[in-house]
Amino acid sequence: MKEEELLEILNTTSAIQAGHFLLSSGLHSEQYIQLARVFQYPKFTARIANALAENFRLDRPAIVIGIAMGGIILAYETARVVGARAMFAERENGKLVLKRGFEIKNRERVLIVEDVLTTGKSVLELKELIKVFNPLIVGVGAVIDRCSDKFKIRNKYHYLLKYKLPTYTPEDCPLCKKEIPLVKPGSR
């Protein structure tokens, strides 16, 4: 999938929103990408999952895992494409946990997927959570990479779209200084 195709899908579904947003990282932004607006359309979700899976097909993941909420549908669809099991981690009292009987076998091949990667904090938290199972993490895939180039994932990493937007700490946020109401659209 070319970046232009994904941008067209994002625009068609109104997934790119303007305003003053509190990201799950704690940073503020003037734009938010709500991929749930895309994932409500199976035809778009299938195209995205196919494009993401293409980068990891030869790595033969046995499990594709995401983080609730944004990663549930993406993990499921990507797992369907590569013929793997789908799992998700979810937050309980602010901490990521695996529930619902999800287990990973020793050295089982795992692909981590993320809808929008901003700081990478959630991916690192997920890697820490599943490390008790001693998996073989074959890679990390993201639909949108908003990360700074300073953050490096120590695994194979592919994204479909690099989307750079300024983010601000609450103390330095120009939107806060203009007293524009803050919206928290994320799930953390």
C-alpha atoms as a PDB file:
ATOM      1  CA  MET A   1       0.000   0.000   0.000  1.00  0.00           C
ATOM      2  CA  LYS A   2       1.376   3.369  -0.960  1.00  0.00           C
ATOM      3  CA  GLU A   3       1.313   6.193   1.559  1.00  0.00           C
ATOM      4  CA  GLU A   4      -1.047   8.140  -0.727  1.00  0.00           C
ATOM      5  CA  GLU A   5      -3.571   5.275  -0.606  1.00  0.00           C
ATOM      6  CA  LEU A   6      -3.507   5.185   3.174  1.00  0.00           C
ATOM      7  CA  LEU A   7      -3.848   8.975   3.378  1.00  0.00           C
ATOM      8  CA  GLU A   8      -6.871   8.749   1.094  1.00  0.00           C
ATOM      9  CA  ILE A   9      -8.452   6.145   3.395  1.00  0.00           C
ATOM     10  CA  LEU A  10      -7.708   8.322   6.439  1.00  0.00           C
ATOM     11  CA  ASN A  11      -9.324  11.333   4.748  1.00  0.00           C
ATOM     12  CA  THR A  12     -12.311   9.351   3.426  1.00  0.00           C
ATOM     13  CA  THR A  13     -13.119   8.076   6.924  1.00  0.00           C
ATOM     14  CA  SER A  14     -12.366  11.401   8.682  1.00  0.00           C
ATOM     15  CA  ALA A  15      -9.769   9.606  10.813  1.00  0.00           C
ATOM     16  CA  ILE A  16      -7.488  12.648  10.959  1.00  0.00           C
ATOM     17  CA  GLN A  17      -9.029  15.038  13.449  1.00  0.00           C
ATOM     18  CA  ALA A  18      -8.069  18.611  14.322  1.00  0.00           C
ATOM     19  CA  GLY A  19      -8.268  20.131  17.786  1.00  0.00           C
ATOM     20  CA  HIS A  20      -6.358  19.924  21.074  1.00  0.00           C
ATOM     21  CA  PHE A  21      -5.734  16.332  22.070  1.00  0.00           C
ATOM     22  CA  LEU A  22      -4.204  14.559  25.044  1.00  0.00           C
ATOM     23  CA  LEU A  23      -2.352  11.556  23.618  1.00  0.00           C
ATOM     24  CA  SER A  24      -1.976   8.337  25.592  1.00  0.00           C
ATOM     25  CA  SER A  25       1.720   9.244  25.908  1.00  0.00           C
ATOM     26  CA  GLY A  26       0.745  12.288  27.992  1.00  0.00           C
ATOM     27  CA  LEU A  27       1.811  14.659  25.206  1.00  0.00           C
ATOM     28  CA  HIS A  28      -0.514  17.165  23.559  1.00  0.00           C
ATOM     29  CA  SER A  29      -1.140  17.480  19.808  1.00  0.00           C
ATOM     30  CA  GLU A  30      -3.208  19.585  17.434  1.00  0.00           C
ATOM     31  CA  GLN A  31      -4.166  16.509  15.423  1.00  0.00           C
ATOM     32  CA  TYR A  32      -5.316  13.045  16.384  1.00  0.00           C
ATOM     33  CA  ILE A  33      -5.565   9.987  14.165  1.00  0.00           C
ATOM     34  CA  GLN A  34      -8.537   7.857  15.189  1.00  0.00           C
ATOM     35  CA  LEU A  35      -8.023   4.577  13.329  1.00  0.00           C
ATOM     36  CA  ALA A  36     -11.235   3.199  14.833  1.00  0.00           C
ATOM     37  CA  ARG A  37     -12.946   5.332  12.192  1.00  0.00           C
ATOM     38  CA  VAL A  38     -11.055   3.341   9.543  1.00  0.00           C
ATOM     39  CA  PHE A  39     -11.493  -0.043  11.242  1.00  0.00           C
ATOM     40  CA  GLN A  40     -15.288   0.279  11.134  1.00  0.00           C
ATOM     41  CA  TYR A  41     -14.942  -0.491   7.404  1.00  0.00           C
ATOM     42  CA  PRO A  42     -13.816  -4.096   6.819  1.00  0.00           C
ATOM     43  CA  LYS A  43     -12.731  -3.346   3.236  1.00  0.00           C
ATOM     44  CA  PHE A  44     -10.249  -0.687   4.438  1.00  0.00           C
ATOM     45  CA  THR A  45      -9.135  -2.749   7.423  1.00  0.00           C
ATOM     46  CA  ALA A  46      -8.408  -5.739   5.188  1.00  0.00           C
ATOM     47  CA  ARG A  47      -6.300  -3.609   2.848  1.00  0.00           C
ATOM     48  CA  ILE A  48      -4.300  -2.195   5.755  1.00  0.00           C
ATOM     49  CA  ALA A  49      -3.804  -5.598   7.403  1.00  0.00           C
ATOM     50  CA  ASN A  50      -2.687  -7.115   4.102  1.00  0.00           C
ATOM     51  CA  ALA A  51      -0.166  -4.317   3.544  1.00  0.00           C
ATOM     52  CA  LEU A  52       1.197  -4.614   7.080  1.00  0.00           C
ATOM     53  CA  ALA A  53       1.346  -8.421   6.956  1.00  0.00           C
ATOM     54  CA  GLU A  54       3.285  -8.311   3.698  1.00  0.00           C
ATOM     55  CA  ASN A  55       6.302  -7.034   5.645  1.00  0.00           C
ATOM     56  CA  PHE A  56       6.246  -9.982   8.075  1.00  0.00           C
ATOM     57  CA  ARG A  57       4.874 -12.933   6.074  1.00  0.00           C
ATOM     58  CA  LEU A  58       8.308 -14.583   5.748  1.00  0.00           C
ATOM     59  CA  ASP A  59       8.860 -14.225   9.505  1.00  0.00           C
ATOM     60  CA  ARG A  60       6.027 -16.727  10.038  1.00  0.00           C
ATOM     61  CA  PRO A  61       4.435 -15.281  13.188  1.00  0.00           C
ATOM     62  CA  ALA A  62       2.324 -17.751  15.144  1.00  0.00           C
ATOM     63  CA  ILE A  63       0.732 -14.936  17.163  1.00  0.00           C
ATOM     64  CA  VAL A  64      -0.133 -11.356  16.317  1.00  0.00           C
ATOM     65  CA  ILE A  65      -0.710  -9.256  19.423  1.00  0.00           C
ATOM     66  CA  GLY A  66      -1.926  -5.708  19.884  1.00  0.00           C
ATOM     67  CA  ILE A  67      -3.022  -3.478  22.721  1.00  0.00           C
ATOM     68  CA  ALA A  68      -6.671  -2.763  23.503  1.00  0.00           C
ATOM     69  CA  MET A  69      -8.461  -0.885  22.156  1.00  0.00           C
ATOM     70  CA  GLY A  70      -6.748   0.259  18.963  1.00  0.00           C
ATOM     71  CA  GLY A  71      -4.776  -2.934  18.433  1.00  0.00           C
ATOM     72  CA  ILE A  72      -7.577  -5.488  18.780  1.00  0.00           C
ATOM     73  CA  ILE A  73      -9.025  -5.300  15.273  1.00  0.00           C
ATOM     74  CA  LEU A  74      -5.596  -4.729  13.703  1.00  0.00           C
ATOM     75  CA  ALA A  75      -4.131  -7.791  15.469  1.00  0.00           C
ATOM     76  CA  TYR A  76      -7.100  -9.923  14.459  1.00  0.00           C
ATOM     77  CA  GLU A  77      -7.062  -8.910  10.801  1.00  0.00           C
ATOM     78  CA  THR A  78      -3.275  -9.180  10.498  1.00  0.00           C
ATOM     79  CA  ALA A  79      -3.371 -12.615  12.152  1.00  0.00           C
ATOM     80  CA  ARG A  80      -6.062 -13.695   9.701  1.00  0.00           C
ATOM     81  CA  VAL A  81      -3.842 -12.673   6.778  1.00  0.00           C
ATOM     82  CA  VAL A  82      -0.737 -14.537   8.024  1.00  0.00           C
ATOM     83  CA  GLY A  83      -2.641 -17.548   9.431  1.00  0.00           C
ATOM     84  CA  ALA A  84      -1.731 -16.860  13.071  1.00  0.00           C
ATOM     85  CA  ARG A  85      -3.588 -16.567  16.374  1.00  0.00           C
ATOM     86  CA  ALA A  86      -4.682 -13.087  17.468  1.00  0.00           C
ATOM     87  CA  MET A  87      -4.326 -11.735  20.997  1.00  0.00           C
ATOM     88  CA  PHE A  88      -4.525  -8.449  22.785  1.00  0.00           C
ATOM     89  CA  ALA A  89      -3.273  -7.011  26.042  1.00  0.00           C
ATOM     90  CA  GLU A  90      -5.497  -4.659  27.982  1.00  0.00           C
ATOM     91  CA  ARG A  91      -5.138  -2.204  30.819  1.00  0.00           C
ATOM     92  CA  GLU A  92      -6.181  -3.101  34.312  1.00  0.00           C
ATOM     93  CA  ASN A  93      -5.601  -0.439  36.953  1.00  0.00           C
ATOM     94  CA  GLY A  94      -3.374   1.403  34.478  1.00  0.00           C
ATOM     95  CA  LYS A  95      -1.121  -1.589  33.821  1.00  0.00           C
ATOM     96  CA  LEU A  96      -0.995  -3.835  30.757  1.00  0.00           C
ATOM     97  CA  VAL A  97      -2.102  -7.408  31.400  1.00  0.00           C
ATOM     98  CA  LEU A  98      -2.915 -10.520  29.395  1.00  0.00           C
ATOM     99  CA  LYS A  99      -6.304 -11.888  30.345  1.00  0.00           C
ATOM    100  CA  ARG A 100      -8.914 -14.178  28.818  1.00  0.00           C
ATOM    101  CA  GLY A 101      -6.609 -17.202  28.968  1.00  0.00           C
ATOM    102  CA  PHE A 102      -4.114 -15.840  26.426  1.00  0.00           C
ATOM    103  CA  GLU A 103      -0.799 -17.668  26.624  1.00  0.00           C
ATOM    104  CA  ILE A 104       2.346 -17.693  24.539  1.00  0.00           C
ATOM    105  CA  LYS A 105       4.465 -20.835  24.305  1.00  0.00           C
ATOM    106  CA  ASN A 106       8.213 -20.750  24.902  1.00  0.00           C
ATOM    107  CA  ARG A 107       9.968 -19.369  21.760  1.00  0.00           C
ATOM    108  CA  GLU A 108       6.644 -18.946  19.940  1.00  0.00           C
ATOM    109  CA  ARG A 109       6.966 -16.418  17.104  1.00  0.00           C
ATOM    110  CA  VAL A 110       5.151 -13.172  17.969  1.00  0.00           C
ATOM    111  CA  LEU A 111       4.417 -10.100  15.876  1.00  0.00           C
ATOM    112  CA  ILE A 112       3.430  -6.967  17.798  1.00  0.00           C
ATOM    113  CA  VAL A 113       1.126  -4.530  15.989  1.00  0.00           C
ATOM    114  CA  GLU A 114       0.164  -0.985  16.899  1.00  0.00           C
ATOM    115  CA  ASP A 115      -2.341   1.317  15.241  1.00  0.00           C
ATOM    116  CA  VAL A 116      -0.545   4.622  15.884  1.00  0.00           C
ATOM    117  CA  LEU A 117       2.925   4.637  17.403  1.00  0.00           C
ATOM    118  CA  THR A 118       3.751   7.990  19.021  1.00  0.00           C
ATOM    119  CA  THR A 119       6.390   7.407  21.684  1.00  0.00           C
ATOM    120  CA  GLY A 120       6.742   3.617  21.558  1.00  0.00           C
ATOM    121  CA  LYS A 121       6.010   3.403  25.290  1.00  0.00           C
ATOM    122  CA  SER A 122       3.095   0.988  24.845  1.00  0.00           C
ATOM    123  CA  VAL A 123       5.130  -1.320  22.608  1.00  0.00           C
ATOM    124  CA  LEU A 124       7.932  -1.418  25.179  1.00  0.00           C
ATOM    125  CA  GLU A 125       5.386  -2.114  27.923  1.00  0.00           C
ATOM    126  CA  LEU A 126       3.876  -4.951  25.869  1.00  0.00           C
ATOM    127  CA  LYS A 127       7.309  -6.448  25.188  1.00  0.00           C
ATOM    128  CA  GLU A 128       8.033  -6.354  28.926  1.00  0.00           C
ATOM    129  CA  LEU A 129       4.675  -8.001  29.694  1.00  0.00           C
ATOM    130  CA  ILE A 130       5.139 -10.961  27.336  1.00  0.00           C
ATOM    131  CA  LYS A 131       8.818 -11.508  28.118  1.00  0.00           C
ATOM    132  CA  VAL A 132       7.804 -13.920  30.906  1.00  0.00           C
ATOM    133  CA  PHE A 133       6.686 -16.331  28.141  1.00  0.00           C
ATOM    134  CA  ASN A 134      10.110 -16.162  26.442  1.00  0.00           C
ATOM    135  CA  PRO A 135       8.672 -15.468  22.964  1.00  0.00           C
ATOM    136  CA  LEU A 136      10.618 -14.892  19.800  1.00  0.00           C
ATOM    137  CA  ILE A 137       9.464 -11.419  18.769  1.00  0.00           C
ATOM    138  CA  VAL A 138       9.725 -11.403  14.987  1.00  0.00           C
ATOM    139  CA  GLY A 139       8.886  -7.729  14.640  1.00  0.00           C
ATOM    140  CA  VAL A 140       6.758  -4.713  15.333  1.00  0.00           C
ATOM    141  CA  GLY A 141       4.346  -3.301  12.786  1.00  0.00           C
ATOM    142  CA  ALA A 142       2.444  -0.020  12.911  1.00  0.00           C
ATOM    143  CA  VAL A 143      -0.092   1.542  10.621  1.00  0.00           C
ATOM    144  CA  ILE A 144       1.057   5.076  11.467  1.00  0.00           C
ATOM    145  CA  ASP A 145       4.440   6.069  12.867  1.00  0.00           C
ATOM    146  CA  ARG A 146       4.371   9.422  14.654  1.00  0.00           C
ATOM    147  CA  CYS A 147       7.529   8.582  16.610  1.00  0.00           C
ATOM    148  CA  SER A 148      10.533  10.796  16.728  1.00  0.00           C
ATOM    149  CA  ASP A 149      13.559   9.383  15.009  1.00  0.00           C
ATOM    150  CA  LYS A 150      15.235   9.208  18.434  1.00  0.00           C
ATOM    151  CA  PHE A 151      13.140   6.185  19.439  1.00  0.00           C
ATOM    152  CA  LYS A 152      14.535   2.919  18.138  1.00  0.00           C
ATOM    153  CA  ILE A 153      12.714  -0.398  18.298  1.00  0.00           C
ATOM    154  CA  ARG A 154      15.223  -3.188  18.722  1.00  0.00           C
ATOM    155  CA  ASN A 155      13.259  -5.555  16.502  1.00  0.00           C
ATOM    156  CA  LYS A 156      12.406  -5.607  12.831  1.00  0.00           C
ATOM    157  CA  TYR A 157      10.057  -2.664  12.389  1.00  0.00           C
ATOM    158  CA  HIS A 158       7.762  -1.595   9.555  1.00  0.00           C
ATOM    159  CA  TYR A 159       5.089   1.049   9.331  1.00  0.00           C
ATOM    160  CA  LEU A 160       2.747   2.015   6.524  1.00  0.00           C
ATOM    161  CA  LEU A 161       2.827   5.798   6.957  1.00  0.00           C
ATOM    162  CA  LYS A 162       5.248   8.197   8.636  1.00  0.00           C
ATOM    163  CA  TYR A 163       3.095  11.064   9.898  1.00  0.00           C
ATOM    164  CA  LYS A 164       5.047  13.761  11.655  1.00  0.00           C
ATOM    165  CA  LEU A 165       3.181  16.243  13.759  1.00  0.00           C
ATOM    166  CA  PRO A 166       4.433  18.412  16.535  1.00  0.00           C
ATOM    167  CA  THR A 167       3.657  17.156  19.999  1.00  0.00           C
ATOM    168  CA  TYR A 168       4.018  19.214  23.137  1.00  0.00           C
ATOM    169  CA  THR A 169       4.521  18.630  26.818  1.00  0.00           C
ATOM    170  CA  PRO A 170       1.617  20.109  28.785  1.00  0.00           C
ATOM    171  CA  GLU A 171       3.921  22.866  30.069  1.00  0.00           C
ATOM    172  CA  ASP A 172       4.984  23.941  26.564  1.00  0.00           C
ATOM    173  CA  CYS A 173       1.689  23.434  24.709  1.00  0.00           C
ATOM    174  CA  PRO A 174       0.642  26.505  22.698  1.00  0.00           C
ATOM    175  CA  LEU A 175      -2.930  25.173  22.566  1.00  0.00           C
ATOM    176  CA  CYS A 176      -3.091  25.153  26.374  1.00  0.00           C
ATOM    177  CA  LYS A 177      -1.807  28.732  26.423  1.00  0.00           C
ATOM    178  CA  LYS A 178      -4.668  29.688  24.068  1.00  0.00           C
ATOM    179  CA  GLU A 179      -7.063  27.867  26.457  1.00  0.00           C
ATOM    180  CA  ILE A 180      -8.363  25.590  23.705  1.00  0.00           C
ATOM    181  CA  PRO A 181     -10.281  22.760  25.433  1.00  0.00           C
ATOM    182  CA  LEU A 182      -8.300  19.525  25.769  1.00  0.00           C
ATOM    183  CA  VAL A 183      -9.871  16.285  24.505  1.00  0.00           C
ATOM    184  CA  LYS A 184      -8.688  12.821  25.564  1.00  0.00           C
ATOM    185  CA  PRO A 185      -9.700  10.461  22.745  1.00  0.00           C
ATOM    186  CA  GLY A 186      -7.296   7.572  23.533  1.00  0.00           C
ATOM    187  CA  SER A 187      -7.870   4.475  25.626  1.00  0.00           C
ATOM    188  CA  ARG A 188      -5.120   4.705  28.244  1.00  0.00           C
END
